[in-house]
Structures are given as structure tokens and as C-alpha cells.
């Protein structure tokens, strides 16, 4: 979820995959099982535990874990353990928004100010972000008739991170309090969407709307506001009604301002800060309102697999909206509308999202039809091995030949 940490990690992981032309999958001497890439996600001092849940095209499920869920008790990670899923929240919010598009309650190319509360809309229209056209705030005449800097931010641009809006998590003071050295003193502070938006708009936009791709948590903060304005219900309530309840995602929730995780759960760790325990700090409890619609989701590995399988399998969106979700034209192939592609060394492309928040990193990826899916996570916000991620994904999605090579 934090722009400074999550996006570089995504970039590096994709680069590692694209550079790994072939990965060997072997067994040890005497038929011993080869070391699992999940084990390589664990680091003795910074990443206590890791887990993977994969499902193949025939429905066979495999759960693999390494390390521990709790450094004090030594218990292992369980499939049902709840954890903070960070920016995977964005895929859920994007699904809700695209369902509203399919219901003709808003349009992808609508100016977002048309679907925001008056105060937020007025703030976004100020010079440097969006200015009303000659016919007033609702004027959204032909894009080509406007100077680039005067064009309105659209719903599509928010979904695809091409709005150019400054990410509130890039504000140095905010980042330091919520994700940096000030975390211990500020971990229980409550944040509202309005205050987070003011933090973002105190900075100039990165670029004019639609001019390029730049990952921004502010985009999904605004989409959360859009959902409430259009439906009269919070993004969390709409996600429960439209996604969580229909799919029976019993371990998934939007905690709001709840600071503890629902049971069962392990612990979450950060490699920095005071109060370290075996080289890490316990950061499990925190107020997730700083993440909001950009990253507050709590989930489980089985629920994430079920959600992405249903989404990509066409159970949650009509074909037109699912195609739009996978359209990466505006981002130069990097991001769709709440999903991103990962191109594997075997020339297969899988789709999904990752998420990072204090003490947690997770990624879910699936084939385009949703039949084969894998979710993996670690209980730390420390960097993990790019090579291990690349090997894990190649093992999950690329067929092995008798030579042991993945193509």
C-alpha cells in the first residue's frame, strides 16, 4: 500500500521474472524433495514466516509454509490465518466500481468530480488539479478542446493510476508517522478520507491527467468516496454486499478503525524500530484508517484465491468490464484497472495484484481464466528474495519439461 515501498517491490519482482529466461526445478539426491521457494522467502532476522496457497486448473490445492507465524510461541502459519492484505484492497474496490459502471450508475470516462461530495470535488477542481470548463463544473466537453492541464481527472484514470494525482503516502511527514520512525507513537491514530485527501492535494500533481502512469494511493482514496456518493453506502458496505458475501469470503473484512486482527491470526513484523524481538518489531496492531480504500483489507490466502478465481473467471463482472480491467494501454502495459499483468519466462501472462502494509506483504496471481491461482505472503514488510518470488511463480504457472527446465 505505501507507494515508496510497494511499487519499487512490484517493479523489481517483474524485472526479476523477465530476466529469468529459465528456472531449474530439481529434486535432491535419493528423490528428496527440492527446497521450496517459500523457504527462500524467509529470512532469519527480518522475515519470520511465509506461506503459499496454490490451486491448479483441476482444483487441486497445495498449502506450503515456512518459518513461524509468531516468534514468541513458534507456531506455524495456518491457512485460515487473517492478515492485512494492503493494496489488494484496490482490486476489490475496482471490482465494485466496475460493477457500478456495468449498471450505468457512472461512466469510466466521467469526470470524477461529478461523483464526489461537494467539498472533495471543489478541492480537486482547484488550479493545478482540475478546473471547471466554460460551462461550469459539469462541463466535460471534448478532451481535445482543452489544454492538457485543464482536463478533468476521470474515473478510468483513477482506476488505472493515470490521474497524475500526488499519492498522500508520498508526503514525507505522513510517511514518517505511519510507516517510518514515528510508527510507534502514531500507530493508533485515526485518519479520515478528507484529511488524507488534503494531505495529497497540498502537493502539486505529478503530471496532467491521462499523460502517463504513476501509482498513487490517492486514486483509490477518491474511488472510495465515489462509491459512497453513488450508492449512499460506504465502500466497505458495498464490497461486503457485492463481493465478500456472495463469494462467502468468511475470513475477509474491512476493519475500519479496528486496531486488532480477527482470530485466528499470527503476528506481523517490521525489521526496524525500537522494541525488537529476535531482530524484528511486532507491528500487528495498528489503526488501518491510514490505508482506507487504498489498503485496509484483512483477508486469508484461501479467500484471496477464491476472489481472484471468481473475478478472472467472469463471475463478478460482465465481459466488457473484465476486458476493461485487463486493458493496460494507458499505462504502457504496466497496469490495468485494479489489476496488473506479470509476464513469466515461459511467455505466459498472469494477472493479479500485490499488497504491502506494516508487517505484511502478499501477492495473488492467476491465469487469465482464473483456473490456476496462487497467493503467497510473508509476515514482514522487509524486502524478500526476488529470485524466490520468480521461482515460486514459475513453479506455479510454467509447465516443467523432463529436462527440469521451465520454458
Protein backbone atom coordinates (compact mmCIF):
# COMPACT_ATOMS: atom_id res chain seq x y z
CA UNK A 1 0.00 0.00 0.00
CA UNK A 2 2.72 2.61 0.78
CA UNK A 3 3.86 3.99 -2.56
CA UNK A 4 7.50 4.25 -1.55
CA UNK A 5 7.83 0.60 -0.65
CA UNK A 6 5.21 -1.33 -2.59
CA UNK A 7 5.73 -0.02 -6.09
CA UNK A 8 9.52 -0.47 -6.21
CA UNK A 9 8.96 -4.02 -4.97
CA UNK A 10 6.48 -4.69 -7.75
CA UNK A 11 8.85 -3.26 -10.34
CA UNK A 12 11.75 -5.34 -9.07
CA UNK A 13 9.74 -8.55 -8.95
CA UNK A 14 8.57 -8.13 -12.53
CA UNK A 15 12.12 -7.32 -13.66
CA UNK A 16 13.41 -10.45 -11.96
CA UNK A 17 10.82 -12.54 -13.74
CA UNK A 18 11.53 -11.04 -17.14
CA UNK A 19 15.25 -11.66 -16.72
CA UNK A 20 14.84 -15.29 -15.62
CA UNK A 21 14.87 -16.95 -19.00
CA UNK A 22 14.82 -20.42 -17.47
CA UNK A 23 14.49 -21.78 -13.94
CA UNK A 24 15.56 -25.28 -12.97
CA UNK A 25 13.26 -27.43 -10.87
CA UNK A 26 15.09 -30.39 -9.40
CA UNK A 27 14.86 -32.93 -6.62
CA UNK A 28 17.60 -33.69 -4.16
CA UNK A 29 19.62 -36.87 -4.10
CA UNK A 30 17.70 -40.06 -3.40
CA UNK A 31 14.44 -38.49 -4.53
CA UNK A 32 14.37 -35.88 -1.75
CA UNK A 33 12.00 -33.02 -2.39
CA UNK A 34 13.71 -29.89 -3.67
CA UNK A 35 13.83 -26.89 -1.40
CA UNK A 36 10.57 -24.94 -1.69
CA UNK A 37 10.81 -21.32 -2.88
CA UNK A 38 8.58 -20.49 0.11
CA UNK A 39 11.51 -21.37 2.37
CA UNK A 40 13.63 -18.84 0.48
CA UNK A 41 11.14 -16.07 1.29
CA UNK A 42 12.05 -16.44 4.98
CA UNK A 43 14.99 -14.55 6.45
CA UNK A 44 16.37 -15.47 9.86
CA UNK A 45 16.39 -11.89 11.18
CA UNK A 46 13.83 -9.96 9.13
CA UNK A 47 11.10 -12.29 7.74
CA UNK A 48 9.94 -14.83 10.34
CA UNK A 49 7.37 -16.69 8.24
CA UNK A 50 5.99 -17.27 4.75
CA UNK A 51 3.15 -19.23 3.18
CA UNK A 52 1.80 -20.12 -0.26
CA UNK A 53 -1.59 -21.47 -1.32
CA UNK A 54 -1.90 -22.63 -4.91
CA UNK A 55 -4.73 -24.15 -6.89
CA UNK A 56 -4.21 -25.80 -10.26
CA UNK A 57 -6.58 -25.95 -13.22
CA UNK A 58 -8.06 -29.21 -11.90
CA UNK A 59 -8.91 -27.74 -8.50
CA UNK A 60 -6.08 -29.43 -6.58
CA UNK A 61 -4.92 -27.23 -3.71
CA UNK A 62 -1.48 -27.13 -2.10
CA UNK A 63 -0.54 -25.17 1.03
CA UNK A 64 3.13 -24.65 1.86
CA UNK A 65 4.55 -22.80 4.83
CA UNK A 66 7.98 -22.00 6.20
CA UNK A 67 9.22 -20.29 9.35
CA UNK A 68 6.84 -19.19 12.08
CA UNK A 69 3.70 -17.08 12.48
CA UNK A 70 4.78 -15.93 15.95
CA UNK A 71 8.41 -15.62 17.02
CA UNK A 72 7.49 -15.94 20.71
CA UNK A 73 5.40 -19.11 20.54
CA UNK A 74 6.97 -20.66 17.44
CA UNK A 75 3.60 -21.67 15.95
CA UNK A 76 3.45 -22.06 12.20
CA UNK A 77 1.26 -20.10 9.77
CA UNK A 78 -2.17 -21.67 9.24
CA UNK A 79 -4.26 -21.45 6.04
CA UNK A 80 -7.06 -19.71 7.96
CA UNK A 81 -4.81 -17.02 9.47
CA UNK A 82 -6.03 -13.47 8.89
CA UNK A 83 -3.53 -10.84 7.80
CA UNK A 84 -3.52 -7.31 6.38
CA UNK A 85 -3.67 -7.50 2.58
CA UNK A 86 -2.64 -3.92 1.77
CA UNK A 87 -3.19 -2.84 -1.82
CA UNK A 88 -5.08 -5.97 -2.83
CA UNK A 89 -7.88 -3.79 -1.44
CA UNK A 90 -7.62 -1.90 -4.74
CA UNK A 91 -8.74 -4.90 -6.80
CA UNK A 92 -11.83 -5.28 -4.61
CA UNK A 93 -12.66 -1.56 -4.89
CA UNK A 94 -12.09 -1.64 -8.65
CA UNK A 95 -14.50 -4.58 -8.93
CA UNK A 96 -17.20 -2.63 -7.09
CA UNK A 97 -16.65 0.46 -9.26
CA UNK A 98 -16.77 -1.58 -12.48
CA UNK A 99 -20.00 -3.23 -11.33
CA UNK A 100 -21.46 0.27 -10.94
CA UNK A 101 -20.23 1.07 -14.45
CA UNK A 102 -21.98 -2.07 -15.75
CA UNK A 103 -25.17 -0.86 -14.02
CA UNK A 104 -24.83 2.52 -15.80
CA UNK A 105 -24.61 4.36 -12.49
CA UNK A 106 -21.39 6.05 -13.57
CA UNK A 107 -19.14 6.03 -16.62
CA UNK A 108 -15.46 5.22 -16.90
CA UNK A 109 -14.80 8.49 -18.69
CA UNK A 110 -16.92 10.64 -16.39
CA UNK A 111 -15.05 13.44 -14.62
CA UNK A 112 -14.62 12.10 -11.10
CA UNK A 113 -15.82 15.43 -9.66
CA UNK A 114 -19.28 14.53 -10.96
CA UNK A 115 -19.39 11.66 -8.45
CA UNK A 116 -17.69 13.19 -5.41
CA UNK A 117 -19.07 15.02 -2.39
CA UNK A 118 -19.18 18.77 -2.99
CA UNK A 119 -16.23 19.62 -0.74
CA UNK A 120 -13.94 16.99 -2.25
CA UNK A 121 -14.99 17.97 -5.77
CA UNK A 122 -14.28 21.64 -5.08
CA UNK A 123 -10.84 20.82 -3.68
CA UNK A 124 -9.96 18.70 -6.69
CA UNK A 125 -11.04 21.45 -9.10
CA UNK A 126 -8.64 23.99 -7.74
CA UNK A 127 -5.88 25.24 -10.07
CA UNK A 128 -3.22 22.66 -10.65
CA UNK A 129 -5.57 19.71 -10.49
CA UNK A 130 -8.82 20.28 -12.34
CA UNK A 131 -10.54 23.45 -13.45
CA UNK A 132 -14.17 23.76 -14.47
CA UNK A 133 -14.78 24.37 -18.14
CA UNK A 134 -16.56 27.40 -19.61
CA UNK A 135 -19.98 25.90 -18.88
CA UNK A 136 -19.28 25.35 -15.19
CA UNK A 137 -18.13 22.35 -13.14
CA UNK A 138 -20.14 19.80 -15.11
CA UNK A 139 -18.68 20.82 -18.45
CA UNK A 140 -16.64 17.95 -19.79
CA UNK A 141 -16.55 18.78 -23.47
CA UNK A 142 -14.27 17.07 -25.95
CA UNK A 143 -10.93 16.28 -24.37
CA UNK A 144 -9.13 17.60 -27.43
CA UNK A 145 -10.72 21.02 -26.92
CA UNK A 146 -8.95 21.56 -23.60
CA UNK A 147 -5.36 22.34 -22.72
CA UNK A 148 -3.80 19.25 -21.18
CA UNK A 149 -3.52 20.79 -17.71
CA UNK A 150 -7.23 21.73 -17.72
CA UNK A 151 -8.57 18.27 -18.47
CA UNK A 152 -10.59 16.64 -15.68
CA UNK A 153 -9.50 13.55 -13.83
CA UNK A 154 -11.74 10.65 -14.88
CA UNK A 155 -12.93 7.51 -13.13
CA UNK A 156 -10.88 5.42 -15.58
CA UNK A 157 -7.72 7.36 -14.73
CA UNK A 158 -8.21 6.76 -11.01
CA UNK A 159 -8.69 3.02 -11.59
CA UNK A 160 -5.59 2.82 -13.77
CA UNK A 161 -3.28 5.22 -11.88
CA UNK A 162 -3.03 7.68 -14.76
CA UNK A 163 -4.67 10.58 -12.90
CA UNK A 164 -1.33 12.22 -12.13
CA UNK A 165 -2.52 12.94 -8.58
CA UNK A 166 0.09 13.05 -5.82
CA UNK A 167 -0.07 9.99 -3.56
CA UNK A 168 -0.73 11.02 0.04
CA UNK A 169 1.67 8.29 1.19
CA UNK A 170 4.47 10.16 -0.59
CA UNK A 171 4.09 13.07 1.82
CA UNK A 172 7.28 12.86 3.89
CA UNK A 173 5.71 13.78 7.23
CA UNK A 174 2.81 11.38 6.76
CA UNK A 175 5.09 8.54 5.64
CA UNK A 176 7.35 9.04 8.64
CA UNK A 177 4.44 8.91 11.10
CA UNK A 178 2.61 5.94 9.60
CA UNK A 179 5.32 3.76 8.05
CA UNK A 180 8.61 5.14 9.34
CA UNK A 181 10.31 6.06 12.59
CA UNK A 182 7.17 7.65 14.03
CA UNK A 183 5.07 4.50 13.75
CA UNK A 184 5.22 3.52 17.43
CA UNK A 185 3.93 6.92 18.57
CA UNK A 186 1.24 7.21 15.87
CA UNK A 187 0.13 3.62 15.19
CA UNK A 188 -3.34 4.10 16.73
CA UNK A 189 -4.16 7.48 15.21
CA UNK A 190 -7.39 7.74 13.25
CA UNK A 191 -7.39 9.22 9.75
CA UNK A 192 -10.33 10.34 7.64
CA UNK A 193 -10.56 10.29 3.86
CA UNK A 194 -10.96 14.08 3.85
CA UNK A 195 -7.74 14.64 5.79
CA UNK A 196 -5.83 12.18 3.63
CA UNK A 197 -7.10 13.95 0.51
CA UNK A 198 -5.97 17.31 1.89
CA UNK A 199 -2.53 15.82 2.52
CA UNK A 200 -2.36 14.69 -1.12
CA UNK A 201 -3.62 17.92 -2.65
CA UNK A 202 -1.22 20.05 -0.61
CA UNK A 203 1.32 18.87 -3.20
CA UNK A 204 1.41 19.58 -6.94
CA UNK A 205 0.17 16.84 -9.21
CA UNK A 206 2.83 14.53 -10.61
CA UNK A 207 1.57 15.14 -14.15
CA UNK A 208 -1.52 16.25 -16.09
CA UNK A 209 -4.43 13.77 -16.03
CA UNK A 210 -4.06 10.99 -18.55
CA UNK A 211 -0.48 11.84 -19.52
CA UNK A 212 1.14 8.77 -18.00
CA UNK A 213 1.17 6.05 -15.37
CA UNK A 214 2.12 6.79 -11.75
CA UNK A 215 0.90 4.58 -8.90
CA UNK A 216 -0.97 6.71 -6.37
CA UNK A 217 -2.93 5.69 -3.28
CA UNK A 218 -4.90 8.92 -3.64
CA UNK A 219 -6.61 7.44 -6.71
CA UNK A 220 -8.31 4.72 -4.68
CA UNK A 221 -8.96 7.03 -1.76
CA UNK A 222 -11.11 9.03 -4.20
CA UNK A 223 -12.76 5.90 -5.59
CA UNK A 224 -13.87 5.02 -2.08
CA UNK A 225 -15.57 8.42 -1.93
CA UNK A 226 -17.14 7.80 -5.35
CA UNK A 227 -18.69 4.53 -4.20
CA UNK A 228 -20.32 6.23 -1.21
CA UNK A 229 -21.57 9.16 -3.28
CA UNK A 230 -23.09 6.93 -5.98
CA UNK A 231 -24.59 4.23 -3.75
CA UNK A 232 -25.23 6.01 -0.45
CA UNK A 233 -23.20 3.29 1.31
CA UNK A 234 -19.54 3.06 2.26
CA UNK A 235 -17.08 1.24 0.03
CA UNK A 236 -16.75 -1.39 2.76
CA UNK A 237 -20.52 -1.99 2.88
CA UNK A 238 -20.73 -2.22 -0.91
CA UNK A 239 -17.78 -4.59 -1.09
CA UNK A 240 -19.37 -6.83 1.54
CA UNK A 241 -22.69 -6.81 -0.33
CA UNK A 242 -21.27 -7.29 -3.82
CA UNK A 243 -18.12 -9.38 -3.30
CA UNK A 244 -17.45 -10.73 0.19
CA UNK A 245 -20.89 -12.14 0.99
CA UNK A 246 -21.71 -13.64 -2.45
CA UNK A 247 -18.33 -15.40 -2.59
CA UNK A 248 -18.52 -16.48 1.07
CA UNK A 249 -15.17 -14.93 1.91
CA UNK A 250 -15.50 -15.70 5.60
CA UNK A 251 -12.01 -14.53 6.52
CA UNK A 252 -12.18 -11.20 4.69
CA UNK A 253 -13.18 -7.89 6.24
CA UNK A 254 -12.77 -4.15 6.16
CA UNK A 255 -11.68 -3.31 9.71
CA UNK A 256 -12.32 0.45 9.51
CA UNK A 257 -10.68 1.74 12.69
CA UNK A 258 -10.39 -1.61 14.47
CA UNK A 259 -6.77 -1.92 15.56
CA UNK A 260 -6.59 -5.69 16.16
CA UNK A 261 -6.84 -8.56 13.71
CA UNK A 262 -9.71 -11.05 13.97
CA UNK A 263 -8.82 -14.57 15.10
CA UNK A 264 -7.09 -16.70 14.06
CA UNK A 265 -4.00 -14.74 13.17
CA UNK A 266 -0.28 -14.75 13.64
CA UNK A 267 1.82 -11.68 14.23
CA UNK A 268 3.16 -9.03 11.84
CA UNK A 269 6.71 -7.73 11.98
CA UNK A 270 8.94 -4.94 10.77
CA UNK A 271 12.73 -5.14 10.72
CA UNK A 272 13.21 -1.61 12.06
CA UNK A 273 12.33 0.40 15.13
CA UNK A 274 12.61 0.07 18.91
CA UNK A 275 11.35 -2.92 20.89
CA UNK A 276 12.82 -5.52 18.55
CA UNK A 277 12.23 -9.19 19.23
CA UNK A 278 14.71 -11.51 17.50
CA UNK A 279 15.58 -8.71 15.09
CA UNK A 280 12.04 -7.60 14.33
CA UNK A 281 9.40 -5.32 15.85
CA UNK A 282 5.84 -6.54 16.37
CA UNK A 283 3.57 -4.18 14.39
CA UNK A 284 0.42 -6.35 14.35
CA UNK A 285 -1.89 -3.83 16.00
CA UNK A 286 -2.49 -0.52 14.23
CA UNK A 287 -5.28 1.74 13.04
CA UNK A 288 -5.77 0.88 9.34
CA UNK A 289 -7.71 4.05 8.55
CA UNK A 290 -4.44 5.47 7.17
CA UNK A 291 -4.86 2.95 4.35
CA UNK A 292 -8.62 3.22 3.84
CA UNK A 293 -9.91 2.32 0.37
CA UNK A 294 -6.32 2.07 -0.85
CA UNK A 295 -5.25 -0.71 1.51
CA UNK A 296 -7.21 -1.56 4.67
CA UNK A 297 -8.44 -5.06 3.70
CA UNK A 298 -7.91 -8.04 6.00
CA UNK A 299 -8.07 -11.46 4.35
CA UNK A 300 -6.78 -15.05 4.16
CA UNK A 301 -4.95 -16.95 1.46
CA UNK A 302 -7.99 -19.17 0.63
CA UNK A 303 -10.24 -16.09 0.34
CA UNK A 304 -7.81 -14.30 -1.97
CA UNK A 305 -7.59 -17.34 -4.21
CA UNK A 306 -11.36 -17.60 -4.33
CA UNK A 307 -11.81 -13.91 -5.09
CA UNK A 308 -9.31 -13.74 -7.95
CA UNK A 309 -10.52 -17.03 -9.43
CA UNK A 310 -14.09 -15.70 -9.43
CA UNK A 311 -13.09 -12.31 -10.79
CA UNK A 312 -10.96 -13.56 -13.66
CA UNK A 313 -13.40 -16.40 -14.30
CA UNK A 314 -16.13 -13.89 -15.08
CA UNK A 315 -18.32 -14.42 -12.01
CA UNK A 316 -18.16 -10.82 -10.75
CA UNK A 317 -18.08 -8.64 -13.88
CA UNK A 318 -19.66 -8.72 -17.34
CA UNK A 319 -17.22 -9.38 -20.22
CA UNK A 320 -16.92 -5.71 -21.23
CA UNK A 321 -15.87 -4.59 -17.75
CA UNK A 322 -13.49 -7.53 -17.30
CA UNK A 323 -11.84 -6.63 -20.61
CA UNK A 324 -11.50 -3.04 -19.42
CA UNK A 325 -9.91 -4.27 -16.20
CA UNK A 326 -7.18 -6.03 -18.22
CA UNK A 327 -6.64 -3.17 -20.66
CA UNK A 328 -3.15 -1.83 -19.97
CA UNK A 329 -2.93 0.52 -22.97
CA UNK A 330 -2.91 3.74 -20.93
CA UNK A 331 -0.10 2.52 -18.67
CA UNK A 332 2.13 1.16 -21.39
CA UNK A 333 1.41 -2.41 -20.34
CA UNK A 334 2.09 -1.97 -16.64
CA UNK A 335 -1.36 -1.74 -15.03
CA UNK A 336 -4.99 -2.23 -16.00
CA UNK A 337 -7.92 -1.11 -13.85
CA UNK A 338 -7.19 -2.63 -10.46
CA UNK A 339 -5.12 -5.50 -11.91
CA UNK A 340 -1.61 -5.76 -13.29
CA UNK A 341 -0.01 -8.33 -15.59
CA UNK A 342 3.10 -10.35 -14.78
CA UNK A 343 4.84 -11.85 -17.80
CA UNK A 344 6.54 -15.11 -16.93
CA UNK A 345 9.68 -16.57 -18.52
CA UNK A 346 7.55 -19.28 -20.16
CA UNK A 347 5.82 -16.49 -22.13
CA UNK A 348 2.62 -16.87 -20.09
CA UNK A 349 0.96 -13.76 -18.62
CA UNK A 350 -0.80 -13.96 -15.29
CA UNK A 351 -2.93 -11.30 -13.63
CA UNK A 352 -3.37 -10.09 -10.09
CA UNK A 353 -2.19 -7.60 -7.51
CA UNK A 354 0.14 -7.33 -4.56
CA UNK A 355 -0.25 -5.61 -1.23
CA UNK A 356 2.08 -4.22 1.38
CA UNK A 357 1.34 -2.60 4.70
CA UNK A 358 3.13 -2.53 8.06
CA UNK A 359 4.22 -6.08 8.82
CA UNK A 360 2.73 -7.77 5.78
CA UNK A 361 3.40 -8.44 2.11
CA UNK A 362 1.13 -10.57 -0.12
CA UNK A 363 0.65 -11.21 -3.81
CA UNK A 364 -2.08 -13.11 -5.69
CA UNK A 365 -1.75 -14.00 -9.37
CA UNK A 366 -3.91 -16.12 -11.65
CA UNK A 367 -4.20 -17.22 -15.24
CA UNK A 368 -6.46 -15.10 -17.44
CA UNK A 369 -9.35 -17.54 -16.98
CA UNK A 370 -8.86 -17.75 -13.19
CA UNK A 371 -8.48 -21.54 -13.23
CA UNK A 372 -4.94 -21.59 -11.88
CA UNK A 373 -4.21 -19.23 -8.99
CA UNK A 374 -1.54 -18.72 -6.35
CA UNK A 375 -1.36 -16.48 -3.30
CA UNK A 376 1.74 -16.12 -1.16
CA UNK A 377 2.63 -13.90 1.76
CA UNK A 378 5.19 -13.08 4.39
CA UNK A 379 4.57 -11.70 7.89
CA UNK A 380 7.01 -8.82 7.48
CA UNK A 381 7.40 -5.64 5.46
CA UNK A 382 11.09 -6.36 4.87
CA UNK A 383 12.37 -6.94 1.36
CA UNK A 384 12.14 -10.54 0.23
CA UNK A 385 14.13 -12.50 -2.32
CA UNK A 386 13.22 -11.59 -5.90
CA UNK A 387 14.72 -14.85 -7.08
CA UNK A 388 12.48 -16.79 -4.68
CA UNK A 389 9.41 -14.94 -5.96
CA UNK A 390 10.40 -15.64 -9.55
CA UNK A 391 10.97 -19.32 -8.82
CA UNK A 392 7.69 -19.62 -6.92
CA UNK A 393 5.70 -18.14 -9.81
CA UNK A 394 7.48 -20.17 -12.46
CA UNK A 395 6.88 -23.35 -10.47
CA UNK A 396 3.19 -22.49 -10.10
CA UNK A 397 2.42 -21.41 -13.65
CA UNK A 398 5.04 -22.74 -16.07
CA UNK A 399 4.98 -26.40 -17.16
CA UNK A 400 8.14 -28.32 -16.33
CA UNK A 401 9.75 -30.40 -19.00
CA UNK A 402 11.68 -33.59 -18.45
CA UNK A 403 14.88 -31.61 -18.62
CA UNK A 404 13.84 -29.85 -15.45
CA UNK A 405 13.70 -26.53 -17.22
CA UNK A 406 10.78 -24.13 -17.13
CA UNK A 407 10.00 -22.64 -20.53
